[in-house]
N, C-alpha and C. Protein backbone atom coordinates (compact mmCIF):
# COMPACT_ATOMS: atom_id res chain seq x y z
N MET A 1 10.19 7.87 -11.24
CA MET A 1 9.48 6.66 -11.62
C MET A 1 10.02 5.49 -10.80
N THR A 2 9.13 4.67 -10.30
CA THR A 2 9.50 3.52 -9.50
C THR A 2 9.19 2.25 -10.26
N GLU A 3 10.10 1.32 -10.22
CA GLU A 3 9.89 0.01 -10.82
C GLU A 3 10.08 -1.04 -9.74
N SER A 4 9.42 -2.15 -9.88
CA SER A 4 9.68 -3.25 -8.97
C SER A 4 9.72 -4.54 -9.78
N TRP A 5 10.52 -5.44 -9.30
CA TRP A 5 10.69 -6.73 -9.97
C TRP A 5 10.50 -7.84 -8.95
N ALA A 6 9.69 -8.80 -9.28
CA ALA A 6 9.58 -10.00 -8.45
C ALA A 6 10.49 -11.04 -9.08
N VAL A 7 11.41 -11.54 -8.30
CA VAL A 7 12.34 -12.56 -8.79
C VAL A 7 12.12 -13.82 -7.97
N ASN A 8 11.44 -14.77 -8.58
CA ASN A 8 11.06 -16.00 -7.87
C ASN A 8 11.70 -17.26 -8.45
N ASN A 9 12.43 -17.10 -9.56
CA ASN A 9 13.05 -18.28 -10.16
C ASN A 9 14.27 -17.85 -10.98
N LYS A 10 14.99 -18.82 -11.49
CA LYS A 10 16.24 -18.57 -12.22
C LYS A 10 16.01 -17.71 -13.46
N ASP A 11 14.95 -17.99 -14.22
CA ASP A 11 14.68 -17.22 -15.44
C ASP A 11 14.43 -15.75 -15.12
N GLN A 12 13.64 -15.49 -14.08
CA GLN A 12 13.37 -14.10 -13.69
C GLN A 12 14.65 -13.42 -13.21
N ALA A 13 15.50 -14.14 -12.51
CA ALA A 13 16.77 -13.58 -12.03
C ALA A 13 17.65 -13.21 -13.21
N GLU A 14 17.73 -14.08 -14.21
CA GLU A 14 18.55 -13.80 -15.39
C GLU A 14 18.00 -12.60 -16.16
N PHE A 15 16.69 -12.51 -16.27
CA PHE A 15 16.07 -11.38 -16.97
C PHE A 15 16.36 -10.08 -16.24
N PHE A 16 16.26 -10.11 -14.92
CA PHE A 16 16.53 -8.91 -14.12
C PHE A 16 18.00 -8.51 -14.25
N CYS A 17 18.90 -9.48 -14.18
CA CYS A 17 20.34 -9.18 -14.33
C CYS A 17 20.62 -8.58 -15.71
N SER A 18 19.97 -9.10 -16.73
CA SER A 18 20.11 -8.55 -18.08
C SER A 18 19.63 -7.10 -18.13
N TYR A 19 18.54 -6.83 -17.46
CA TYR A 19 17.99 -5.47 -17.38
C TYR A 19 18.99 -4.53 -16.71
N ILE A 20 19.56 -4.96 -15.61
CA ILE A 20 20.54 -4.15 -14.88
C ILE A 20 21.77 -3.91 -15.77
N ARG A 21 22.27 -4.96 -16.40
CA ARG A 21 23.44 -4.86 -17.26
C ARG A 21 23.20 -3.88 -18.41
N LYS A 22 22.03 -3.96 -19.03
CA LYS A 22 21.69 -3.08 -20.16
C LYS A 22 21.74 -1.61 -19.74
N HIS A 23 21.18 -1.30 -18.58
CA HIS A 23 21.19 0.09 -18.12
C HIS A 23 22.59 0.53 -17.69
N ALA A 24 23.36 -0.36 -17.10
CA ALA A 24 24.74 -0.02 -16.70
C ALA A 24 25.60 0.26 -17.94
N GLU A 25 25.47 -0.58 -18.96
CA GLU A 25 26.24 -0.39 -20.19
C GLU A 25 25.84 0.90 -20.90
N ALA A 26 24.58 1.31 -20.77
CA ALA A 26 24.11 2.55 -21.40
C ALA A 26 24.46 3.77 -20.54
N GLY A 27 25.04 3.55 -19.37
CA GLY A 27 25.42 4.66 -18.50
C GLY A 27 24.24 5.30 -17.79
N ILE A 28 23.15 4.57 -17.67
CA ILE A 28 21.96 5.08 -16.99
C ILE A 28 22.11 4.79 -15.50
N PRO A 29 22.21 5.85 -14.68
CA PRO A 29 22.38 5.61 -13.24
C PRO A 29 21.10 5.05 -12.61
N ARG A 30 21.27 4.08 -11.76
CA ARG A 30 20.14 3.46 -11.06
C ARG A 30 20.54 3.20 -9.62
N ILE A 31 19.55 3.21 -8.74
CA ILE A 31 19.74 2.77 -7.36
C ILE A 31 18.82 1.57 -7.18
N TYR A 32 19.38 0.46 -6.78
CA TYR A 32 18.60 -0.75 -6.58
C TYR A 32 18.46 -1.01 -5.09
N GLU A 33 17.25 -1.33 -4.68
CA GLU A 33 16.97 -1.65 -3.29
C GLU A 33 16.40 -3.05 -3.25
N ILE A 34 16.99 -3.89 -2.47
CA ILE A 34 16.56 -5.28 -2.39
C ILE A 34 15.72 -5.45 -1.13
N THR A 35 14.53 -5.99 -1.29
CA THR A 35 13.67 -6.30 -0.15
C THR A 35 13.20 -7.74 -0.27
N VAL A 36 12.97 -8.34 0.86
CA VAL A 36 12.43 -9.69 0.87
C VAL A 36 10.95 -9.59 0.57
N GLY A 37 10.50 -10.37 -0.39
CA GLY A 37 9.10 -10.31 -0.80
C GLY A 37 8.21 -11.11 0.12
N ASN A 38 7.50 -10.41 0.99
CA ASN A 38 6.56 -11.08 1.88
C ASN A 38 5.19 -11.22 1.23
N ARG A 39 4.95 -10.37 0.25
CA ARG A 39 3.64 -10.37 -0.40
C ARG A 39 3.83 -10.36 -1.90
N THR A 40 2.75 -10.67 -2.59
CA THR A 40 2.80 -10.66 -4.05
C THR A 40 2.59 -9.24 -4.56
N ASN A 41 3.01 -8.99 -5.78
CA ASN A 41 2.75 -7.70 -6.41
C ASN A 41 1.25 -7.44 -6.48
N ARG A 42 0.50 -8.49 -6.70
CA ARG A 42 -0.95 -8.36 -6.77
C ARG A 42 -1.54 -7.85 -5.46
N GLN A 43 -1.06 -8.39 -4.35
CA GLN A 43 -1.56 -7.94 -3.05
C GLN A 43 -1.12 -6.51 -2.78
N ASN A 44 0.08 -6.16 -3.17
CA ASN A 44 0.53 -4.77 -3.01
C ASN A 44 -0.35 -3.82 -3.82
N ARG A 45 -0.65 -4.19 -5.06
CA ARG A 45 -1.53 -3.35 -5.88
C ARG A 45 -2.91 -3.22 -5.25
N ALA A 46 -3.42 -4.33 -4.72
CA ALA A 46 -4.74 -4.30 -4.08
C ALA A 46 -4.72 -3.40 -2.84
N ALA A 47 -3.64 -3.45 -2.06
CA ALA A 47 -3.53 -2.61 -0.86
C ALA A 47 -3.52 -1.13 -1.25
N HIS A 48 -2.74 -0.77 -2.26
CA HIS A 48 -2.68 0.63 -2.68
C HIS A 48 -3.99 1.09 -3.30
N LEU A 49 -4.64 0.21 -4.05
CA LEU A 49 -5.95 0.54 -4.59
C LEU A 49 -6.95 0.78 -3.46
N CYS A 50 -6.91 -0.06 -2.44
CA CYS A 50 -7.80 0.09 -1.30
C CYS A 50 -7.56 1.42 -0.59
N LEU A 51 -6.30 1.80 -0.41
CA LEU A 51 -5.99 3.08 0.24
C LEU A 51 -6.50 4.26 -0.60
N ARG A 52 -6.38 4.17 -1.93
CA ARG A 52 -6.91 5.24 -2.80
C ARG A 52 -8.43 5.32 -2.70
N GLN A 53 -9.08 4.15 -2.71
CA GLN A 53 -10.54 4.12 -2.60
C GLN A 53 -10.99 4.63 -1.25
N LEU A 54 -10.26 4.31 -0.21
CA LEU A 54 -10.58 4.78 1.12
C LEU A 54 -10.47 6.30 1.20
N ALA A 55 -9.40 6.86 0.65
CA ALA A 55 -9.22 8.32 0.64
C ALA A 55 -10.38 8.98 -0.09
N GLU A 56 -10.72 8.46 -1.24
CA GLU A 56 -11.82 9.04 -2.03
C GLU A 56 -13.15 8.95 -1.26
N ALA A 57 -13.41 7.81 -0.64
CA ALA A 57 -14.65 7.63 0.10
C ALA A 57 -14.74 8.56 1.30
N LEU A 58 -13.63 8.69 2.03
CA LEU A 58 -13.62 9.60 3.19
C LEU A 58 -13.84 11.05 2.73
N ASN A 59 -13.17 11.45 1.67
CA ASN A 59 -13.35 12.81 1.14
C ASN A 59 -14.78 13.04 0.67
N ASP A 60 -15.34 12.06 -0.04
CA ASP A 60 -16.72 12.18 -0.54
C ASP A 60 -17.73 12.28 0.59
N ALA A 61 -17.41 11.64 1.72
CA ALA A 61 -18.32 11.66 2.88
C ALA A 61 -18.12 12.91 3.74
N GLY A 62 -17.21 13.79 3.33
CA GLY A 62 -17.01 15.04 4.05
C GLY A 62 -15.97 14.99 5.15
N PHE A 63 -15.21 13.90 5.22
CA PHE A 63 -14.15 13.81 6.22
C PHE A 63 -12.86 14.38 5.66
N GLY A 64 -12.07 14.96 6.53
CA GLY A 64 -10.77 15.49 6.14
C GLY A 64 -9.86 15.47 7.33
N ILE A 65 -8.62 15.85 7.10
CA ILE A 65 -7.61 15.89 8.16
C ILE A 65 -7.52 17.34 8.64
N PRO A 66 -7.78 17.60 9.92
CA PRO A 66 -7.68 18.98 10.40
C PRO A 66 -6.26 19.53 10.25
N HIS A 67 -6.14 20.71 9.69
CA HIS A 67 -4.83 21.36 9.55
C HIS A 67 -4.31 21.71 10.94
N PRO A 68 -3.01 21.50 11.20
CA PRO A 68 -2.48 21.75 12.56
C PRO A 68 -2.58 23.21 13.01
N LEU A 69 -2.56 24.15 12.08
CA LEU A 69 -2.62 25.56 12.47
C LEU A 69 -4.04 26.12 12.45
N ASN A 70 -4.92 25.43 11.76
CA ASN A 70 -6.31 25.89 11.67
C ASN A 70 -7.22 24.67 11.52
N PRO A 71 -7.72 24.12 12.64
CA PRO A 71 -8.53 22.90 12.58
C PRO A 71 -9.79 23.01 11.73
N ASP A 72 -10.23 24.25 11.46
CA ASP A 72 -11.40 24.42 10.59
C ASP A 72 -11.06 24.11 9.13
N PHE A 73 -9.79 24.17 8.79
CA PHE A 73 -9.35 23.87 7.43
C PHE A 73 -9.08 22.37 7.35
N GLN A 74 -9.82 21.66 6.51
CA GLN A 74 -9.69 20.23 6.38
C GLN A 74 -8.85 19.88 5.15
N ILE A 75 -7.80 19.13 5.37
CA ILE A 75 -6.94 18.67 4.28
C ILE A 75 -7.55 17.38 3.73
N PRO A 76 -7.73 17.28 2.42
CA PRO A 76 -8.29 16.05 1.85
C PRO A 76 -7.39 14.84 2.09
N TYR A 77 -8.01 13.69 2.27
CA TYR A 77 -7.26 12.45 2.41
C TYR A 77 -6.65 12.07 1.07
N THR A 78 -5.49 11.42 1.15
CA THR A 78 -4.81 10.86 -0.02
C THR A 78 -4.45 9.41 0.30
N GLU A 79 -3.99 8.70 -0.69
CA GLU A 79 -3.52 7.33 -0.47
C GLU A 79 -2.44 7.32 0.61
N GLU A 80 -1.50 8.25 0.52
CA GLU A 80 -0.39 8.29 1.47
C GLU A 80 -0.86 8.65 2.88
N SER A 81 -1.77 9.62 2.99
CA SER A 81 -2.22 10.00 4.34
C SER A 81 -3.04 8.87 4.97
N CYS A 82 -3.80 8.14 4.18
CA CYS A 82 -4.54 7.00 4.73
C CYS A 82 -3.57 5.92 5.23
N LYS A 83 -2.49 5.71 4.49
CA LYS A 83 -1.50 4.72 4.91
C LYS A 83 -0.83 5.16 6.20
N GLU A 84 -0.38 6.43 6.25
CA GLU A 84 0.37 6.91 7.40
C GLU A 84 -0.49 7.12 8.64
N LEU A 85 -1.65 7.73 8.47
CA LEU A 85 -2.48 8.12 9.62
C LEU A 85 -3.45 7.03 10.08
N LEU A 86 -3.88 6.16 9.16
CA LEU A 86 -4.90 5.18 9.51
C LEU A 86 -4.35 3.75 9.57
N LEU A 87 -3.61 3.34 8.54
CA LEU A 87 -3.15 1.94 8.50
C LEU A 87 -1.94 1.70 9.42
N ARG A 88 -0.97 2.60 9.40
CA ARG A 88 0.26 2.38 10.18
C ARG A 88 0.01 2.19 11.68
N PRO A 89 -0.86 2.98 12.31
CA PRO A 89 -1.13 2.74 13.74
C PRO A 89 -1.75 1.36 14.01
N VAL A 90 -2.55 0.87 13.07
CA VAL A 90 -3.14 -0.47 13.22
C VAL A 90 -2.04 -1.52 13.15
N MET A 91 -1.14 -1.37 12.19
CA MET A 91 -0.02 -2.32 12.05
C MET A 91 0.83 -2.35 13.31
N LYS A 92 1.12 -1.18 13.82
CA LYS A 92 1.96 -1.06 15.02
C LYS A 92 1.27 -1.71 16.22
N ALA A 93 -0.02 -1.44 16.39
CA ALA A 93 -0.75 -1.98 17.53
C ALA A 93 -0.94 -3.49 17.43
N MET A 94 -1.20 -3.99 16.23
CA MET A 94 -1.49 -5.41 16.08
C MET A 94 -0.25 -6.30 15.99
N PHE A 95 0.78 -5.80 15.28
CA PHE A 95 1.93 -6.66 15.00
C PHE A 95 3.28 -6.03 15.37
N ASN A 96 3.23 -4.83 15.95
CA ASN A 96 4.45 -4.12 16.34
C ASN A 96 5.41 -3.97 15.15
N LYS A 97 4.85 -3.67 13.99
CA LYS A 97 5.64 -3.47 12.78
C LYS A 97 5.35 -2.07 12.25
N GLU A 98 6.42 -1.36 11.89
CA GLU A 98 6.31 0.02 11.44
C GLU A 98 6.11 0.13 9.94
N SER A 99 6.56 -0.85 9.19
CA SER A 99 6.56 -0.78 7.73
C SER A 99 5.66 -1.85 7.13
N THR A 100 4.94 -1.47 6.10
CA THR A 100 4.09 -2.44 5.41
C THR A 100 4.93 -3.54 4.76
N THR A 101 6.18 -3.24 4.42
CA THR A 101 7.03 -4.25 3.81
C THR A 101 7.40 -5.36 4.78
N LYS A 102 7.23 -5.11 6.07
CA LYS A 102 7.56 -6.12 7.09
C LYS A 102 6.38 -7.05 7.38
N LEU A 103 5.19 -6.69 6.88
CA LEU A 103 4.00 -7.50 7.15
C LEU A 103 3.94 -8.71 6.23
N GLU A 104 3.57 -9.84 6.79
CA GLU A 104 3.31 -11.03 5.99
C GLU A 104 1.93 -10.87 5.33
N THR A 105 1.64 -11.72 4.38
CA THR A 105 0.38 -11.65 3.64
C THR A 105 -0.82 -11.64 4.57
N LYS A 106 -0.88 -12.57 5.50
CA LYS A 106 -2.01 -12.68 6.42
C LYS A 106 -2.10 -11.46 7.33
N GLU A 107 -0.96 -10.95 7.77
CA GLU A 107 -0.94 -9.78 8.65
C GLU A 107 -1.50 -8.54 7.94
N LEU A 108 -1.12 -8.36 6.68
CA LEU A 108 -1.64 -7.22 5.92
C LEU A 108 -3.16 -7.32 5.78
N SER A 109 -3.65 -8.49 5.46
CA SER A 109 -5.10 -8.69 5.34
C SER A 109 -5.81 -8.42 6.66
N THR A 110 -5.22 -8.87 7.75
CA THR A 110 -5.80 -8.67 9.08
C THR A 110 -5.85 -7.19 9.44
N CYS A 111 -4.78 -6.46 9.12
CA CYS A 111 -4.75 -5.01 9.40
C CYS A 111 -5.82 -4.27 8.61
N PHE A 112 -5.93 -4.58 7.33
CA PHE A 112 -6.94 -3.92 6.51
C PHE A 112 -8.35 -4.26 6.99
N GLU A 113 -8.57 -5.50 7.36
CA GLU A 113 -9.89 -5.91 7.85
C GLU A 113 -10.26 -5.12 9.11
N ALA A 114 -9.33 -5.04 10.04
CA ALA A 114 -9.59 -4.30 11.29
C ALA A 114 -9.83 -2.82 11.00
N LEU A 115 -9.00 -2.22 10.16
CA LEU A 115 -9.13 -0.80 9.82
C LEU A 115 -10.46 -0.52 9.13
N LEU A 116 -10.77 -1.28 8.10
CA LEU A 116 -11.98 -1.01 7.32
C LEU A 116 -13.24 -1.25 8.14
N ASN A 117 -13.24 -2.29 8.97
CA ASN A 117 -14.41 -2.55 9.82
C ASN A 117 -14.63 -1.42 10.82
N ARG A 118 -13.57 -0.98 11.47
CA ARG A 118 -13.71 0.08 12.48
C ARG A 118 -14.09 1.41 11.83
N LEU A 119 -13.52 1.73 10.69
CA LEU A 119 -13.89 2.97 10.00
C LEU A 119 -15.36 2.94 9.59
N ALA A 120 -15.85 1.80 9.15
CA ALA A 120 -17.26 1.68 8.79
C ALA A 120 -18.14 1.92 10.01
N GLU A 121 -17.74 1.36 11.16
CA GLU A 121 -18.51 1.56 12.40
C GLU A 121 -18.53 3.02 12.82
N VAL A 122 -17.38 3.67 12.78
CA VAL A 122 -17.24 5.03 13.30
C VAL A 122 -17.75 6.09 12.34
N THR A 123 -17.49 5.90 11.04
CA THR A 123 -17.80 6.95 10.07
C THR A 123 -18.98 6.63 9.16
N GLY A 124 -19.32 5.36 9.06
CA GLY A 124 -20.34 4.96 8.10
C GLY A 124 -19.79 4.80 6.70
N VAL A 125 -18.50 5.05 6.52
CA VAL A 125 -17.86 4.90 5.21
C VAL A 125 -17.45 3.45 5.04
N VAL A 126 -17.99 2.82 4.00
CA VAL A 126 -17.72 1.40 3.76
C VAL A 126 -16.85 1.25 2.52
N VAL A 127 -15.70 0.65 2.72
CA VAL A 127 -14.78 0.34 1.62
C VAL A 127 -14.38 -1.12 1.80
N ASN A 128 -14.44 -1.87 0.73
CA ASN A 128 -14.04 -3.27 0.79
C ASN A 128 -12.67 -3.44 0.17
N PHE A 129 -11.90 -4.39 0.72
CA PHE A 129 -10.60 -4.68 0.14
C PHE A 129 -10.83 -5.24 -1.25
N PRO A 130 -10.18 -4.73 -2.28
CA PRO A 130 -10.46 -5.12 -3.66
C PRO A 130 -10.03 -6.55 -3.99
N GLN A 131 -10.96 -7.45 -3.89
CA GLN A 131 -10.68 -8.86 -4.15
C GLN A 131 -10.35 -9.14 -5.61
N GLU A 132 -10.98 -8.40 -6.53
CA GLU A 132 -10.72 -8.63 -7.94
C GLU A 132 -9.25 -8.40 -8.26
N GLU A 133 -8.64 -7.41 -7.63
CA GLU A 133 -7.22 -7.12 -7.85
C GLU A 133 -6.37 -8.30 -7.38
N LEU A 134 -6.85 -9.00 -6.36
CA LEU A 134 -6.10 -10.14 -5.84
C LEU A 134 -6.30 -11.40 -6.68
N TYR A 135 -7.54 -11.65 -7.04
CA TYR A 135 -7.87 -12.95 -7.63
C TYR A 135 -8.36 -12.87 -9.07
N GLY A 136 -8.46 -11.70 -9.62
CA GLY A 136 -8.97 -11.53 -10.97
C GLY A 136 -10.48 -11.47 -10.97
N PRO A 137 -11.08 -11.13 -12.11
CA PRO A 137 -12.54 -11.01 -12.18
C PRO A 137 -13.20 -12.36 -11.88
N SER A 138 -14.35 -12.30 -11.21
CA SER A 138 -15.04 -13.55 -10.89
C SER A 138 -16.01 -13.93 -11.97
């Protein structure tokens, strides 16, 4: 199970420290990884939702990943394979960044826009970046 915490102010920092202390006192082992937050949790959720929707749309349209030992066998797309095979090369080409965590908010949006537009042109599969996840229902 993965958890993430956004700590943007003193109250959130105190709450997070309390959470860590509670688990340490209970003897629950944890590994904490600290990353600089370039994007909001909302944008991260929207990006992952978009990758899931993209995988589903590509699979529904009959696209798959050719198996390396038997190209006739098509492996279904997943959220992870869309990120690794489709989004990561765009990030690398556009911003010379290997990790989505290194992308700024605008860079992530630009990468998704380029990827989704080109996929629509090449495959006819149209997926829109989920705006509702970013901004709430309209």
